[in-house]
Amino acid sequence: MSSDNNFRRQGILFVVSAPSGAGKSTLCDSLRQTPDFIYSISCTTRKIRPGEVHGEDYYFLSREEFEAKVKANEMLEYAEVHGYYYGTLAESVLKALNQGTDVLLDIDVQGARAIRTNVNQVLRDSLVDVFIMPPTIEELERRLRKRGTEKEAEIARRLEDARQEMPCWPEFKYTIITGSTEEDLTKFRAIMRAERYLSRRLTLV
């Protein structure tokens, strides 16, 4: 093989899912500080929280705006969670993957399931889905209460949803039992490195 040969790689779609409060957002925020990915910003109809920025944390849309994008087939995936819509715009994700750029996507279990069954072959081939599993439901409750952004009824609803979502971990290619932020980052980067060196992702050009 000549030393002049070069390899080209299709972009990888790293999807991270977890019950609310399991550490998914903390992990993704840490990964966003590096140039390893394009971070796909999701859309939501929930109200903006203190400290969040439109266009950086989420695109905050009205219910009418969100439903118009769904009708126009602009959403890669979407779901209604905790009474609000969440979804991913398709165009920017597919463009990045086709250019060989990796994409990081922070979505719920329903969204990950939708991508696995998407009709787009490029999308399915590029998918690497990772489930962040809290060690126990008690630890998850402790983390939810510590962040102090939800009322008691909202915490109860999120814990009930977590009980439904946690058994879904076998659907994912990888599962990380969450520990400290540093431990989670180390585990995720091991997955990232292995996936980037898979022979099937490379094309000799």
N, C-alpha and C. Protein backbone atom coordinates (compact mmCIF):
# COMPACT_ATOMS: atom_id res chain seq x y z
N MET A 1 0.84 -1.19 0.00
CA MET A 1 0.00 0.00 0.00
C MET A 1 0.88 1.25 0.00
N SER A 2 0.65 2.14 -0.89
CA SER A 2 1.44 3.36 -1.01
C SER A 2 1.20 4.29 0.17
N SER A 3 2.28 5.01 0.56
CA SER A 3 2.14 5.98 1.65
C SER A 3 1.31 7.17 1.24
N ASP A 4 1.03 7.29 -0.08
CA ASP A 4 0.22 8.41 -0.55
C ASP A 4 -1.27 8.17 -0.36
N ASN A 5 -1.62 6.92 -0.04
CA ASN A 5 -3.04 6.62 0.14
C ASN A 5 -3.59 7.34 1.37
N ASN A 6 -4.82 7.78 1.26
CA ASN A 6 -5.48 8.47 2.37
C ASN A 6 -6.81 7.79 2.68
N PHE A 7 -7.18 7.86 3.94
CA PHE A 7 -8.45 7.31 4.37
C PHE A 7 -9.44 8.44 4.62
N ARG A 8 -10.68 8.18 4.26
CA ARG A 8 -11.76 9.10 4.58
C ARG A 8 -12.75 8.36 5.47
N ARG A 9 -13.31 9.06 6.44
CA ARG A 9 -14.25 8.42 7.36
C ARG A 9 -15.57 9.17 7.38
N GLN A 10 -16.65 8.39 7.32
CA GLN A 10 -17.98 8.97 7.50
C GLN A 10 -18.11 9.48 8.93
N GLY A 11 -18.84 10.56 9.13
CA GLY A 11 -19.06 11.07 10.47
C GLY A 11 -19.82 10.08 11.33
N ILE A 12 -19.61 10.15 12.64
CA ILE A 12 -20.28 9.29 13.61
C ILE A 12 -21.29 10.12 14.38
N LEU A 13 -22.48 9.57 14.56
CA LEU A 13 -23.52 10.23 15.35
C LEU A 13 -23.52 9.62 16.74
N PHE A 14 -22.88 10.30 17.70
CA PHE A 14 -22.85 9.85 19.08
C PHE A 14 -24.11 10.34 19.79
N VAL A 15 -24.98 9.42 20.15
CA VAL A 15 -26.23 9.74 20.84
C VAL A 15 -26.10 9.36 22.30
N VAL A 16 -26.35 10.31 23.19
CA VAL A 16 -26.27 10.07 24.63
C VAL A 16 -27.67 10.23 25.22
N SER A 17 -28.14 9.18 25.91
CA SER A 17 -29.46 9.20 26.55
C SER A 17 -29.33 8.78 28.00
N ALA A 18 -30.26 9.25 28.82
CA ALA A 18 -30.26 8.90 30.25
C ALA A 18 -31.53 9.42 30.89
N PRO A 19 -31.92 8.85 32.02
CA PRO A 19 -33.00 9.47 32.79
C PRO A 19 -32.60 10.87 33.25
N SER A 20 -33.56 11.74 33.42
CA SER A 20 -33.29 13.10 33.87
C SER A 20 -32.56 13.09 35.21
N GLY A 21 -31.42 13.80 35.28
CA GLY A 21 -30.65 13.88 36.50
C GLY A 21 -29.53 12.87 36.61
N ALA A 22 -29.36 12.01 35.60
CA ALA A 22 -28.35 10.96 35.67
C ALA A 22 -26.95 11.46 35.35
N GLY A 23 -26.82 12.66 34.83
CA GLY A 23 -25.50 13.19 34.51
C GLY A 23 -25.24 13.36 33.03
N LYS A 24 -26.26 13.14 32.23
CA LYS A 24 -26.11 13.25 30.77
C LYS A 24 -25.70 14.66 30.34
N SER A 25 -26.40 15.67 30.86
CA SER A 25 -26.10 17.05 30.46
C SER A 25 -24.72 17.48 30.91
N THR A 26 -24.31 17.05 32.11
CA THR A 26 -22.97 17.38 32.61
C THR A 26 -21.91 16.77 31.72
N LEU A 27 -22.11 15.51 31.33
CA LEU A 27 -21.16 14.84 30.43
C LEU A 27 -21.09 15.56 29.10
N CYS A 28 -22.24 15.86 28.52
CA CYS A 28 -22.25 16.51 27.20
C CYS A 28 -21.67 17.92 27.26
N ASP A 29 -21.92 18.64 28.36
CA ASP A 29 -21.34 19.97 28.51
C ASP A 29 -19.82 19.90 28.55
N SER A 30 -19.28 18.87 29.19
CA SER A 30 -17.83 18.70 29.24
C SER A 30 -17.27 18.36 27.86
N LEU A 31 -17.96 17.51 27.13
CA LEU A 31 -17.52 17.13 25.80
C LEU A 31 -17.58 18.31 24.83
N ARG A 32 -18.53 19.22 25.06
CA ARG A 32 -18.68 20.38 24.18
C ARG A 32 -17.50 21.34 24.26
N GLN A 33 -16.69 21.22 25.32
CA GLN A 33 -15.55 22.12 25.48
C GLN A 33 -14.39 21.73 24.58
N THR A 34 -14.50 20.60 23.90
CA THR A 34 -13.42 20.13 23.02
C THR A 34 -13.88 20.22 21.57
N PRO A 35 -12.93 20.20 20.62
CA PRO A 35 -13.30 20.29 19.20
C PRO A 35 -13.61 18.94 18.56
N ASP A 36 -13.91 17.93 19.39
CA ASP A 36 -14.10 16.57 18.86
C ASP A 36 -15.40 16.40 18.08
N PHE A 37 -16.39 17.24 18.35
CA PHE A 37 -17.71 17.04 17.78
C PHE A 37 -18.32 18.37 17.35
N ILE A 38 -19.35 18.25 16.53
CA ILE A 38 -20.35 19.31 16.42
C ILE A 38 -21.45 18.91 17.38
N TYR A 39 -21.84 19.80 18.26
CA TYR A 39 -22.92 19.50 19.19
C TYR A 39 -24.23 19.92 18.56
N SER A 40 -25.12 18.96 18.38
CA SER A 40 -26.43 19.26 17.79
C SER A 40 -27.35 19.84 18.87
N ILE A 41 -27.78 21.06 18.67
CA ILE A 41 -28.64 21.73 19.63
C ILE A 41 -30.09 21.34 19.37
N SER A 42 -30.74 20.79 20.37
CA SER A 42 -32.12 20.33 20.23
C SER A 42 -33.10 21.50 20.36
N CYS A 43 -34.30 21.25 19.90
CA CYS A 43 -35.40 22.20 20.06
C CYS A 43 -36.30 21.71 21.19
N THR A 44 -36.91 22.62 21.91
CA THR A 44 -37.85 22.24 22.95
C THR A 44 -38.93 23.31 23.12
N THR A 45 -40.06 22.86 23.63
CA THR A 45 -41.15 23.81 23.92
C THR A 45 -41.22 24.14 25.41
N ARG A 46 -40.32 23.56 26.22
CA ARG A 46 -40.35 23.91 27.64
C ARG A 46 -39.79 25.31 27.82
N LYS A 47 -40.10 25.91 28.98
CA LYS A 47 -39.65 27.27 29.25
C LYS A 47 -38.15 27.29 29.57
N ILE A 48 -37.53 28.37 29.21
CA ILE A 48 -36.10 28.53 29.46
C ILE A 48 -35.84 28.63 30.96
N ARG A 49 -34.77 27.97 31.43
CA ARG A 49 -34.40 28.00 32.84
C ARG A 49 -33.34 29.07 33.09
N PRO A 50 -33.21 29.53 34.32
CA PRO A 50 -32.18 30.53 34.63
C PRO A 50 -30.80 30.06 34.20
N GLY A 51 -30.07 30.93 33.50
CA GLY A 51 -28.72 30.60 33.04
C GLY A 51 -28.65 29.99 31.66
N GLU A 52 -29.78 29.53 31.13
CA GLU A 52 -29.79 28.95 29.79
C GLU A 52 -29.83 30.05 28.73
N VAL A 53 -29.29 29.70 27.55
CA VAL A 53 -29.22 30.66 26.45
C VAL A 53 -29.86 30.05 25.21
N HIS A 54 -30.79 30.77 24.60
CA HIS A 54 -31.42 30.32 23.37
C HIS A 54 -30.36 30.20 22.28
N GLY A 55 -30.34 29.04 21.59
CA GLY A 55 -29.37 28.83 20.53
C GLY A 55 -28.07 28.21 21.00
N GLU A 56 -27.90 28.09 22.33
CA GLU A 56 -26.72 27.42 22.88
C GLU A 56 -27.11 26.17 23.66
N ASP A 57 -28.07 26.31 24.56
CA ASP A 57 -28.55 25.15 25.31
C ASP A 57 -29.65 24.42 24.53
N TYR A 58 -30.62 25.16 24.05
CA TYR A 58 -31.72 24.67 23.23
C TYR A 58 -32.17 25.80 22.31
N TYR A 59 -32.92 25.41 21.29
CA TYR A 59 -33.75 26.38 20.58
C TYR A 59 -35.11 26.32 21.26
N PHE A 60 -35.48 27.38 21.95
CA PHE A 60 -36.74 27.40 22.68
C PHE A 60 -37.84 27.91 21.75
N LEU A 61 -38.77 26.99 21.43
CA LEU A 61 -39.83 27.28 20.47
C LEU A 61 -41.19 27.23 21.15
N SER A 62 -42.15 27.91 20.56
CA SER A 62 -43.53 27.73 21.00
C SER A 62 -44.02 26.38 20.48
N ARG A 63 -45.09 25.90 21.05
CA ARG A 63 -45.67 24.63 20.60
C ARG A 63 -46.07 24.72 19.12
N GLU A 64 -46.60 25.88 18.72
CA GLU A 64 -47.03 26.07 17.33
C GLU A 64 -45.82 26.04 16.39
N GLU A 65 -44.72 26.68 16.78
CA GLU A 65 -43.51 26.68 15.95
C GLU A 65 -42.95 25.26 15.80
N PHE A 66 -42.94 24.53 16.89
CA PHE A 66 -42.41 23.16 16.87
C PHE A 66 -43.25 22.28 15.95
N GLU A 67 -44.55 22.35 16.11
CA GLU A 67 -45.44 21.51 15.30
C GLU A 67 -45.35 21.85 13.83
N ALA A 68 -45.08 23.12 13.50
CA ALA A 68 -44.91 23.52 12.11
C ALA A 68 -43.66 22.86 11.51
N LYS A 69 -42.58 22.74 12.30
CA LYS A 69 -41.36 22.09 11.82
C LYS A 69 -41.58 20.59 11.63
N VAL A 70 -42.35 19.98 12.51
CA VAL A 70 -42.69 18.56 12.35
C VAL A 70 -43.47 18.35 11.06
N LYS A 71 -44.43 19.20 10.82
CA LYS A 71 -45.27 19.09 9.62
C LYS A 71 -44.45 19.27 8.35
N ALA A 72 -43.41 20.11 8.43
CA ALA A 72 -42.54 20.37 7.27
C ALA A 72 -41.43 19.33 7.13
N ASN A 73 -41.45 18.27 7.96
CA ASN A 73 -40.44 17.19 7.93
C ASN A 73 -39.03 17.70 8.19
N GLU A 74 -38.91 18.70 9.04
CA GLU A 74 -37.61 19.26 9.37
C GLU A 74 -36.97 18.59 10.58
N MET A 75 -37.70 17.71 11.26
CA MET A 75 -37.19 17.07 12.47
C MET A 75 -36.62 15.68 12.18
N LEU A 76 -35.42 15.45 12.66
CA LEU A 76 -34.80 14.13 12.56
C LEU A 76 -35.51 13.15 13.48
N GLU A 77 -35.84 13.61 14.66
CA GLU A 77 -36.61 12.85 15.64
C GLU A 77 -37.25 13.85 16.58
N TYR A 78 -38.34 13.44 17.19
CA TYR A 78 -38.96 14.29 18.21
C TYR A 78 -39.84 13.42 19.09
N ALA A 79 -40.10 13.93 20.28
CA ALA A 79 -40.96 13.21 21.22
C ALA A 79 -41.53 14.20 22.21
N GLU A 80 -42.61 13.81 22.86
CA GLU A 80 -43.18 14.61 23.92
C GLU A 80 -42.76 13.98 25.24
N VAL A 81 -42.05 14.76 26.06
CA VAL A 81 -41.50 14.28 27.32
C VAL A 81 -41.84 15.26 28.43
N HIS A 82 -42.38 14.76 29.54
CA HIS A 82 -42.76 15.61 30.66
C HIS A 82 -43.70 16.74 30.23
N GLY A 83 -44.51 16.49 29.21
CA GLY A 83 -45.48 17.48 28.76
C GLY A 83 -44.95 18.50 27.77
N TYR A 84 -43.68 18.33 27.34
CA TYR A 84 -43.07 19.27 26.39
C TYR A 84 -42.51 18.50 25.20
N TYR A 85 -42.47 19.17 24.05
CA TYR A 85 -41.82 18.59 22.87
C TYR A 85 -40.30 18.81 22.95
N TYR A 86 -39.56 17.79 22.51
CA TYR A 86 -38.12 17.89 22.30
C TYR A 86 -37.83 17.28 20.94
N GLY A 87 -36.90 17.86 20.18
CA GLY A 87 -36.61 17.31 18.87
C GLY A 87 -35.30 17.82 18.30
N THR A 88 -34.84 17.15 17.23
CA THR A 88 -33.57 17.46 16.59
C THR A 88 -33.80 17.83 15.13
N LEU A 89 -33.25 18.95 14.72
CA LEU A 89 -33.35 19.37 13.33
C LEU A 89 -32.46 18.48 12.46
N ALA A 90 -32.99 18.00 11.35
CA ALA A 90 -32.31 16.99 10.54
C ALA A 90 -31.18 17.54 9.68
N GLU A 91 -31.38 18.69 9.07
CA GLU A 91 -30.47 19.15 8.01
C GLU A 91 -29.02 19.28 8.47
N SER A 92 -28.79 19.92 9.61
CA SER A 92 -27.42 20.16 10.05
C SER A 92 -26.72 18.86 10.44
N VAL A 93 -27.46 17.90 11.01
CA VAL A 93 -26.87 16.62 11.41
C VAL A 93 -26.41 15.83 10.19
N LEU A 94 -27.28 15.66 9.22
CA LEU A 94 -26.94 14.88 8.03
C LEU A 94 -25.81 15.52 7.22
N LYS A 95 -25.81 16.85 7.16
CA LYS A 95 -24.74 17.54 6.44
C LYS A 95 -23.38 17.28 7.08
N ALA A 96 -23.32 17.35 8.40
CA ALA A 96 -22.06 17.11 9.11
C ALA A 96 -21.58 15.67 8.91
N LEU A 97 -22.48 14.70 9.04
CA LEU A 97 -22.09 13.30 8.88
C LEU A 97 -21.55 13.02 7.49
N ASN A 98 -22.18 13.58 6.48
CA ASN A 98 -21.73 13.37 5.10
C ASN A 98 -20.39 14.04 4.82
N GLN A 99 -20.04 15.03 5.63
CA GLN A 99 -18.74 15.70 5.49
C GLN A 99 -17.65 15.04 6.33
N GLY A 100 -18.00 13.98 7.04
CA GLY A 100 -17.03 13.28 7.87
C GLY A 100 -16.84 13.87 9.25
N THR A 101 -17.77 14.70 9.68
CA THR A 101 -17.69 15.35 10.99
C THR A 101 -18.56 14.60 11.99
N ASP A 102 -18.04 14.34 13.17
CA ASP A 102 -18.80 13.65 14.21
C ASP A 102 -19.77 14.61 14.88
N VAL A 103 -20.93 14.06 15.26
CA VAL A 103 -22.00 14.85 15.87
C VAL A 103 -22.34 14.25 17.22
N LEU A 104 -22.49 15.11 18.22
CA LEU A 104 -22.90 14.70 19.56
C LEU A 104 -24.33 15.13 19.79
N LEU A 105 -25.19 14.17 20.16
CA LEU A 105 -26.61 14.45 20.31
C LEU A 105 -27.08 13.98 21.68
N ASP A 106 -27.69 14.88 22.43
CA ASP A 106 -28.18 14.62 23.78
C ASP A 106 -29.71 14.52 23.68
N ILE A 107 -30.23 13.29 23.68
CA ILE A 107 -31.67 13.09 23.51
C ILE A 107 -32.18 12.01 24.45
N ASP A 108 -33.50 11.88 24.54
CA ASP A 108 -34.09 10.90 25.45
C ASP A 108 -34.18 9.53 24.79
N VAL A 109 -34.67 8.57 25.56
CA VAL A 109 -34.77 7.18 25.09
C VAL A 109 -35.66 7.07 23.85
N GLN A 110 -36.76 7.80 23.83
CA GLN A 110 -37.66 7.76 22.67
C GLN A 110 -36.96 8.26 21.41
N GLY A 111 -36.19 9.34 21.55
CA GLY A 111 -35.48 9.89 20.41
C GLY A 111 -34.44 8.94 19.86
N ALA A 112 -33.70 8.28 20.76
CA ALA A 112 -32.70 7.31 20.32
C ALA A 112 -33.35 6.16 19.57
N ARG A 113 -34.50 5.74 20.06
CA ARG A 113 -35.24 4.64 19.41
C ARG A 113 -35.67 5.05 18.00
N ALA A 114 -36.09 6.30 17.85
CA ALA A 114 -36.53 6.79 16.54
C ALA A 114 -35.39 6.81 15.55
N ILE A 115 -34.19 7.19 15.99
CA ILE A 115 -33.04 7.23 15.09
C ILE A 115 -32.64 5.82 14.66
N ARG A 116 -32.72 4.86 15.58
CA ARG A 116 -32.37 3.47 15.23
C ARG A 116 -33.22 2.93 14.09
N THR A 117 -34.46 3.40 13.98
CA THR A 117 -35.39 2.90 12.96
C THR A 117 -35.59 3.88 11.82
N ASN A 118 -34.74 4.91 11.75
CA ASN A 118 -34.88 5.91 10.70
C ASN A 118 -34.65 5.27 9.33
N VAL A 119 -35.34 5.75 8.31
CA VAL A 119 -35.23 5.18 6.97
C VAL A 119 -33.90 5.53 6.31
N ASN A 120 -33.20 6.55 6.82
CA ASN A 120 -31.94 6.99 6.21
C ASN A 120 -30.81 6.04 6.61
N GLN A 121 -30.22 5.36 5.62
CA GLN A 121 -29.17 4.37 5.87
C GLN A 121 -27.92 5.01 6.45
N VAL A 122 -27.55 6.18 5.96
CA VAL A 122 -26.37 6.89 6.47
C VAL A 122 -26.51 7.13 7.97
N LEU A 123 -27.68 7.54 8.35
CA LEU A 123 -27.95 7.84 9.75
C LEU A 123 -27.82 6.59 10.61
N ARG A 124 -28.41 5.50 10.18
CA ARG A 124 -28.36 4.26 10.95
C ARG A 124 -26.93 3.73 11.04
N ASP A 125 -26.19 3.80 9.95
CA ASP A 125 -24.81 3.30 9.95
C ASP A 125 -23.89 4.14 10.83
N SER A 126 -24.20 5.41 10.97
CA SER A 126 -23.33 6.30 11.73
C SER A 126 -23.61 6.28 13.23
N LEU A 127 -24.72 5.67 13.62
CA LEU A 127 -25.20 5.77 15.00
C LEU A 127 -24.34 4.98 15.99
N VAL A 128 -23.95 5.65 17.07
CA VAL A 128 -23.36 5.01 18.24
C VAL A 128 -24.12 5.55 19.45
N ASP A 129 -24.99 4.72 20.02
CA ASP A 129 -25.84 5.20 21.11
C ASP A 129 -25.33 4.69 22.46
N VAL A 130 -25.32 5.61 23.43
CA VAL A 130 -24.74 5.36 24.75
C VAL A 130 -25.78 5.72 25.81
N PHE A 131 -26.04 4.79 26.72
CA PHE A 131 -26.99 5.04 27.81
C PHE A 131 -26.22 5.31 29.09
N ILE A 132 -26.56 6.42 29.75
CA ILE A 132 -25.95 6.78 31.03
C ILE A 132 -26.88 6.28 32.14
N MET A 133 -26.41 5.29 32.87
CA MET A 133 -27.24 4.62 33.88
C MET A 133 -26.88 5.09 35.28
N PRO A 134 -27.83 5.67 36.03
CA PRO A 134 -27.54 6.01 37.42
C PRO A 134 -27.33 4.75 38.24
N PRO A 135 -26.46 4.81 39.27
CA PRO A 135 -26.19 3.60 40.06
C PRO A 135 -27.43 3.04 40.74
N THR A 136 -28.29 3.95 41.26
CA THR A 136 -29.54 3.55 41.92
C THR A 136 -30.56 4.65 41.71
N ILE A 137 -31.83 4.31 41.90
CA ILE A 137 -32.89 5.32 41.81
C ILE A 137 -32.77 6.32 42.96
N GLU A 138 -32.25 5.87 44.11
CA GLU A 138 -32.05 6.76 45.26
C GLU A 138 -31.00 7.83 44.95
N GLU A 139 -29.93 7.42 44.28
CA GLU A 139 -28.90 8.39 43.89
C GLU A 139 -29.45 9.37 42.86
N LEU A 140 -30.27 8.89 41.97
CA LEU A 140 -30.89 9.77 40.99
C LEU A 140 -31.77 10.82 41.67
N GLU A 141 -32.55 10.39 42.66
CA GLU A 141 -33.39 11.33 43.40
C GLU A 141 -32.53 12.38 44.11
N ARG A 142 -31.43 11.95 44.69
CA ARG A 142 -30.54 12.88 45.38
C ARG A 142 -30.02 13.95 44.42
N ARG A 143 -29.65 13.54 43.20
CA ARG A 143 -29.11 14.49 42.22
C ARG A 143 -30.20 15.46 41.74
N LEU A 144 -31.40 14.95 41.55
CA LEU A 144 -32.49 15.82 41.13
C LEU A 144 -32.78 16.89 42.18
N ARG A 145 -32.79 16.48 43.43
CA ARG A 145 -33.07 17.44 44.49
C ARG A 145 -31.92 18.44 44.65
N LYS A 146 -30.71 17.99 44.44
CA LYS A 146 -29.54 18.86 44.61
C LYS A 146 -29.53 20.00 43.61
N ARG A 147 -29.98 19.74 42.37
CA ARG A 147 -29.90 20.80 41.37
C ARG A 147 -30.97 21.87 41.56
N GLY A 148 -32.05 21.54 42.26
CA GLY A 148 -33.01 22.54 42.70
C GLY A 148 -33.74 23.30 41.61
N THR A 149 -33.98 22.66 40.48
CA THR A 149 -34.67 23.34 39.38
C THR A 149 -36.11 22.89 39.20
N GLU A 150 -36.54 21.86 39.94
CA GLU A 150 -37.90 21.35 39.80
C GLU A 150 -38.64 21.36 41.14
N LYS A 151 -39.94 21.50 41.06
CA LYS A 151 -40.78 21.40 42.25
C LYS A 151 -41.00 19.93 42.58
N GLU A 152 -41.62 19.68 43.74
CA GLU A 152 -41.78 18.31 44.22
C GLU A 152 -42.54 17.43 43.24
N ALA A 153 -43.63 17.95 42.66
CA ALA A 153 -44.42 17.16 41.72
C ALA A 153 -43.61 16.81 40.48
N GLU A 154 -42.75 17.74 40.03
CA GLU A 154 -41.91 17.49 38.86
C GLU A 154 -40.85 16.44 39.17
N ILE A 155 -40.28 16.49 40.37
CA ILE A 155 -39.31 15.47 40.77
C ILE A 155 -39.95 14.09 40.78
N ALA A 156 -41.15 14.01 41.33
CA ALA A 156 -41.87 12.72 41.39
C ALA A 156 -42.13 12.19 39.99
N ARG A 157 -42.50 13.07 39.07
CA ARG A 157 -42.77 12.63 37.70
C ARG A 157 -41.49 12.16 37.00
N ARG A 158 -40.39 12.88 37.22
CA ARG A 158 -39.13 12.50 36.60
C ARG A 158 -38.62 11.16 37.16
N LEU A 159 -38.83 10.92 38.43
CA LEU A 159 -38.42 9.64 39.01
C LEU A 159 -39.25 8.49 38.46
N GLU A 160 -40.55 8.73 38.28
CA GLU A 160 -41.40 7.70 37.69
C GLU A 160 -40.99 7.41 36.26
N ASP A 161 -40.68 8.47 35.49
CA ASP A 161 -40.20 8.28 34.12
C ASP A 161 -38.88 7.50 34.11
N ALA A 162 -38.01 7.81 35.08
CA ALA A 162 -36.72 7.11 35.17
C ALA A 162 -36.92 5.61 35.39
N ARG A 163 -37.89 5.28 36.21
CA ARG A 163 -38.17 3.85 36.46
C ARG A 163 -38.61 3.14 35.18
N GLN A 164 -39.23 3.88 34.28
CA GLN A 164 -39.64 3.31 32.99
C GLN A 164 -38.48 3.27 32.01
N GLU A 165 -37.55 4.24 32.09
CA GLU A 165 -36.46 4.37 31.12
C GLU A 165 -35.25 3.49 31.45
N MET A 166 -34.96 3.32 32.73
CA MET A 166 -33.75 2.59 33.11
C MET A 166 -33.71 1.15 32.57
N PRO A 167 -34.84 0.42 32.50
CA PRO A 167 -34.79 -0.93 31.92
C PRO A 167 -34.51 -0.95 30.41
N CYS A 168 -34.47 0.22 29.76
CA CYS A 168 -34.23 0.27 28.32
C CYS A 168 -32.75 0.17 27.96
N TRP A 169 -31.87 0.10 28.95
CA TRP A 169 -30.43 0.13 28.65
C TRP A 169 -29.97 -0.95 27.66
N PRO A 170 -30.58 -2.17 27.61
CA PRO A 170 -30.08 -3.15 26.64
C PRO A 170 -30.29 -2.76 25.17
N GLU A 171 -31.15 -1.76 24.92
CA GLU A 171 -31.37 -1.32 23.55
C GLU A 171 -30.16 -0.56 23.00
N PHE A 172 -29.31 -0.07 23.87
CA PHE A 172 -28.19 0.77 23.47
C PHE A 172 -26.93 -0.05 23.23
N LYS A 173 -26.08 0.46 22.35
CA LYS A 173 -24.83 -0.25 22.05
C LYS A 173 -23.90 -0.25 23.25
N TYR A 174 -23.88 0.84 24.00
CA TYR A 174 -23.02 0.96 25.17
C TYR A 174 -23.83 1.46 26.36
N THR A 175 -23.43 1.06 27.57
CA THR A 175 -24.01 1.57 28.80
C THR A 175 -22.89 1.98 29.74
N ILE A 176 -22.96 3.21 30.24
CA ILE A 176 -22.00 3.72 31.23
C ILE A 176 -22.72 3.84 32.57
N ILE A 177 -22.24 3.12 33.58
CA ILE A 177 -22.76 3.30 34.94
C ILE A 177 -22.09 4.57 35.48
N THR A 178 -22.89 5.60 35.69
CA THR A 178 -22.32 6.90 35.98
C THR A 178 -21.65 6.97 37.35
N GLY A 179 -20.52 7.68 37.36
CA GLY A 179 -19.80 7.94 38.61
C GLY A 179 -19.52 9.43 38.68
N SER A 180 -18.27 9.80 38.83
CA SER A 180 -17.90 11.22 38.79
C SER A 180 -17.87 11.68 37.33
N THR A 181 -17.87 12.99 37.14
CA THR A 181 -17.78 13.53 35.78
C THR A 181 -16.52 13.05 35.09
N GLU A 182 -15.41 13.01 35.80
CA GLU A 182 -14.13 12.57 35.23
C GLU A 182 -14.19 11.11 34.80
N GLU A 183 -14.81 10.27 35.64
CA GLU A 183 -14.94 8.85 35.29
C GLU A 183 -15.81 8.67 34.06
N ASP A 184 -16.92 9.40 34.01
CA ASP A 184 -17.82 9.28 32.86
C ASP A 184 -17.13 9.73 31.58
N LEU A 185 -16.35 10.81 31.67
CA LEU A 185 -15.62 11.29 30.50
C LEU A 185 -14.60 10.27 30.01
N THR A 186 -13.89 9.65 30.93
CA THR A 186 -12.90 8.64 30.56
C THR A 186 -13.56 7.47 29.84
N LYS A 187 -14.68 7.01 30.37
CA LYS A 187 -15.40 5.90 29.75
C LYS A 187 -15.91 6.28 28.37
N PHE A 188 -16.48 7.48 28.25
CA PHE A 188 -17.02 7.89 26.96
C PHE A 188 -15.92 8.05 25.93
N ARG A 189 -14.78 8.60 26.33
CA ARG A 189 -13.69 8.79 25.37
C ARG A 189 -13.12 7.45 24.90
N ALA A 190 -13.17 6.42 25.74
CA ALA A 190 -12.75 5.08 25.32
C ALA A 190 -13.67 4.56 24.21
N ILE A 191 -14.97 4.77 24.37
CA ILE A 191 -15.94 4.40 23.33
C ILE A 191 -15.68 5.19 22.06
N MET A 192 -15.47 6.48 22.20
CA MET A 192 -15.24 7.36 21.06
C MET A 192 -14.02 6.93 20.25
N ARG A 193 -12.91 6.64 20.94
CA ARG A 193 -11.70 6.25 20.23
C ARG A 193 -11.90 4.93 19.49
N ALA A 194 -12.52 3.95 20.16
CA ALA A 194 -12.72 2.64 19.51
C ALA A 194 -13.59 2.77 18.27
N GLU A 195 -14.66 3.54 18.35
CA GLU A 195 -15.57 3.68 17.21
C GLU A 195 -14.90 4.39 16.03
N ARG A 196 -14.02 5.32 16.31
CA ARG A 196 -13.37 6.07 15.22
C ARG A 196 -12.36 5.22 14.46
N TYR A 197 -11.90 4.11 15.07
CA TYR A 197 -10.92 3.26 14.40
C TYR A 197 -11.54 2.00 13.79
N LEU A 198 -12.85 1.87 13.82
CA LEU A 198 -13.48 0.71 13.19
C LEU A 198 -13.17 0.69 11.69
N SER A 199 -12.74 -0.45 11.20
CA SER A 199 -12.38 -0.56 9.79
C SER A 199 -13.56 -0.25 8.87
N ARG A 200 -14.76 -0.65 9.28
CA ARG A 200 -15.92 -0.46 8.40
C ARG A 200 -16.27 1.01 8.19
N ARG A 201 -15.74 1.88 9.05
CA ARG A 201 -16.03 3.31 8.89
C ARG A 201 -15.07 4.00 7.92
N LEU A 202 -14.01 3.29 7.52
CA LEU A 202 -12.97 3.91 6.69
C LEU A 202 -13.13 3.57 5.22
N THR A 203 -12.83 4.53 4.38
CA THR A 203 -12.80 4.34 2.93
C THR A 203 -11.47 4.85 2.41
N LEU A 204 -10.79 4.04 1.62
CA LEU A 204 -9.51 4.45 1.04
C LEU A 204 -9.76 5.30 -0.19
N VAL A 205 -9.20 6.50 -0.22
CA VAL A 205 -9.42 7.42 -1.35
C VAL A 205 -8.10 7.86 -1.95
